[in-house]
Amino acid sequence: MGLPGGWELILIVLVLVLLFGATKLPQMARSLGQSARVFKAEARGMKADEEAAKKAHSEKEQKPELTAGEPSPPPVTSPVEDKQRNESKN
């Protein structure tokens, strides 16, 4: 089923005019437009909040910087690296 063509659109408009009257249609269209704008703004806000949360999460996962006088933590190695290092020393 495709989009309505020329005659179908005219018929739909006539039915709307008969149901709601010519004076109510502009108000309804204006209200629909405002609702669409509010919906788009909320969607943009949710997207911005999601991006901010991702950014905060990624910053939290980064290593903390050392300040003067703090010893550096030992490097994290896997058991395989430890075994290879021990074998190379022997």
C-alpha atoms as a PDB file:
ATOM      1  CA  MET A   1       0.000   0.000   0.000  1.00  0.00           C
ATOM      2  CA  GLY A   2       1.576   3.253  -1.162  1.00  0.00           C
ATOM      3  CA  LEU A   3       1.133   6.848  -0.236  1.00  0.00           C
ATOM      4  CA  PRO A   4      -2.179   8.471  -1.109  1.00  0.00           C
ATOM      5  CA  GLY A   5      -2.243  10.258  -4.450  1.00  0.00           C
ATOM      6  CA  GLY A   6      -3.875  13.544  -5.472  1.00  0.00           C
ATOM      7  CA  TRP A   7      -7.560  12.536  -5.288  1.00  0.00           C
ATOM      8  CA  GLU A   8      -7.073  10.627  -2.043  1.00  0.00           C
ATOM      9  CA  LEU A   9      -5.450  13.649  -0.395  1.00  0.00           C
ATOM     10  CA  ILE A  10      -8.297  15.926  -1.524  1.00  0.00           C
ATOM     11  CA  LEU A  11     -10.828  13.479  -0.107  1.00  0.00           C
ATOM     12  CA  ILE A  12      -8.952  13.275   3.206  1.00  0.00           C
ATOM     13  CA  VAL A  13      -8.807  17.074   3.493  1.00  0.00           C
ATOM     14  CA  LEU A  14     -12.550  17.348   2.759  1.00  0.00           C
ATOM     15  CA  VAL A  15     -13.377  14.761   5.430  1.00  0.00           C
ATOM     16  CA  LEU A  16     -11.202  16.608   7.957  1.00  0.00           C
ATOM     17  CA  VAL A  17     -12.894  19.919   7.144  1.00  0.00           C
ATOM     18  CA  LEU A  18     -16.322  18.328   7.552  1.00  0.00           C
ATOM     19  CA  LEU A  19     -15.390  16.676  10.850  1.00  0.00           C
ATOM     20  CA  PHE A  20     -13.555  19.510  12.568  1.00  0.00           C
ATOM     21  CA  GLY A  21     -14.579  22.647  10.690  1.00  0.00           C
ATOM     22  CA  ALA A  22     -12.366  25.100   8.840  1.00  0.00           C
ATOM     23  CA  THR A  23     -11.644  27.179  11.962  1.00  0.00           C
ATOM     24  CA  LYS A  24     -10.309  24.265  14.056  1.00  0.00           C
ATOM     25  CA  LEU A  25      -7.888  22.866  11.448  1.00  0.00           C
ATOM     26  CA  PRO A  26      -5.244  25.650  11.702  1.00  0.00           C
ATOM     27  CA  GLN A  27      -5.263  25.368  15.495  1.00  0.00           C
ATOM     28  CA  MET A  28      -4.844  21.601  15.270  1.00  0.00           C
ATOM     29  CA  ALA A  29      -1.992  21.929  12.775  1.00  0.00           C
ATOM     30  CA  ARG A  30      -0.270  24.503  15.000  1.00  0.00           C
ATOM     31  CA  SER A  31      -0.653  22.237  18.020  1.00  0.00           C
ATOM     32  CA  LEU A  32       0.738  19.296  16.073  1.00  0.00           C
ATOM     33  CA  GLY A  33       3.752  21.379  14.992  1.00  0.00           C
ATOM     34  CA  GLN A  34       4.462  22.468  18.566  1.00  0.00           C
ATOM     35  CA  SER A  35       4.235  18.883  19.759  1.00  0.00           C
ATOM     36  CA  ALA A  36       6.694  17.794  17.072  1.00  0.00           C
ATOM     37  CA  ARG A  37       9.140  20.553  18.097  1.00  0.00           C
ATOM     38  CA  VAL A  38       8.925  19.550  21.774  1.00  0.00           C
ATOM     39  CA  PHE A  39       9.479  15.906  20.854  1.00  0.00           C
ATOM     40  CA  LYS A  40      12.564  16.760  18.763  1.00  0.00           C
ATOM     41  CA  ALA A  41      13.989  18.931  21.559  1.00  0.00           C
ATOM     42  CA  GLU A  42      13.505  16.131  24.094  1.00  0.00           C
ATOM     43  CA  ALA A  43      15.144  13.626  21.750  1.00  0.00           C
ATOM     44  CA  ARG A  44      18.141  15.952  21.303  1.00  0.00           C
ATOM     45  CA  GLY A  45      18.347  16.421  25.078  1.00  0.00           C
ATOM     46  CA  MET A  46      18.336  12.679  25.680  1.00  0.00           C
ATOM     47  CA  LYS A  47      21.081  12.212  23.081  1.00  0.00           C
ATOM     48  CA  ALA A  48      23.190  14.946  24.706  1.00  0.00           C
ATOM     49  CA  ASP A  49      22.693  13.364  28.140  1.00  0.00           C
ATOM     50  CA  GLU A  50      23.749   9.975  26.789  1.00  0.00           C
ATOM     51  CA  GLU A  51      26.900  11.439  25.200  1.00  0.00           C
ATOM     52  CA  ALA A  52      27.762  13.266  28.445  1.00  0.00           C
ATOM     53  CA  ALA A  53      27.343  10.044  30.418  1.00  0.00           C
ATOM     54  CA  LYS A  54      29.605   8.160  27.996  1.00  0.00           C
ATOM     55  CA  LYS A  55      32.218  10.903  28.244  1.00  0.00           C
ATOM     56  CA  ALA A  56      32.094  10.888  32.045  1.00  0.00           C
ATOM     57  CA  HIS A  57      32.364   7.098  32.085  1.00  0.00           C
ATOM     58  CA  SER A  58      35.390   7.114  29.764  1.00  0.00           C
ATOM     59  CA  GLU A  59      37.107   9.799  31.856  1.00  0.00           C
ATOM     60  CA  LYS A  60      36.481   7.750  34.984  1.00  0.00           C
ATOM     61  CA  GLU A  61      38.141   4.694  33.400  1.00  0.00           C
ATOM     62  CA  GLN A  62      41.327   6.566  32.466  1.00  0.00           C
ATOM     63  CA  LYS A  63      44.336   6.116  34.722  1.00  0.00           C
ATOM     64  CA  PRO A  64      44.663   8.743  37.441  1.00  0.00           C
ATOM     65  CA  GLU A  65      47.675  10.998  37.049  1.00  0.00           C
ATOM     66  CA  LEU A  66      50.422  10.814  39.644  1.00  0.00           C
ATOM     67  CA  THR A  67      51.220  13.835  41.743  1.00  0.00           C
ATOM     68  CA  ALA A  68      54.671  14.728  43.001  1.00  0.00           C
ATOM     69  CA  GLY A  69      56.000  12.351  45.622  1.00  0.00           C
ATOM     70  CA  GLU A  70      53.647   9.443  44.888  1.00  0.00           C
ATOM     71  CA  PRO A  71      55.234   6.126  43.932  1.00  0.00           C
ATOM     72  CA  SER A  72      54.095   4.717  40.628  1.00  0.00           C
ATOM     73  CA  PRO A  73      52.027   1.531  40.773  1.00  0.00           C
ATOM     74  CA  PRO A  74      53.677  -1.677  39.564  1.00  0.00           C
ATOM     75  CA  PRO A  75      53.011  -2.475  35.902  1.00  0.00           C
ATOM     76  CA  VAL A  76      50.186  -4.883  35.265  1.00  0.00           C
ATOM     77  CA  THR A  77      51.411  -7.974  33.447  1.00  0.00           C
ATOM     78  CA  SER A  78      49.776 -11.192  32.429  1.00  0.00           C
ATOM     79  CA  PRO A  79      50.984 -14.609  33.705  1.00  0.00           C
ATOM     80  CA  VAL A  80      52.366 -15.374  30.230  1.00  0.00           C
ATOM     81  CA  GLU A  81      54.518 -12.231  30.288  1.00  0.00           C
ATOM     82  CA  ASP A  82      55.767 -13.104  33.781  1.00  0.00           C
ATOM     83  CA  LYS A  83      56.709 -16.619  32.648  1.00  0.00           C
ATOM     84  CA  GLN A  84      58.555 -15.295  29.574  1.00  0.00           C
ATOM     85  CA  ARG A  85      60.411 -12.750  31.664  1.00  0.00           C
ATOM     86  CA  ASN A  86      61.479 -15.416  34.188  1.00  0.00           C
ATOM     87  CA  GLU A  87      62.651 -17.748  31.401  1.00  0.00           C
ATOM     88  CA  SER A  88      64.717 -15.001  29.766  1.00  0.00           C
ATOM     89  CA  LYS A  89      66.481 -14.250  33.070  1.00  0.00           C
ATOM     90  CA  ASN A  90      67.560 -17.904  33.490  1.00  0.00           C
END
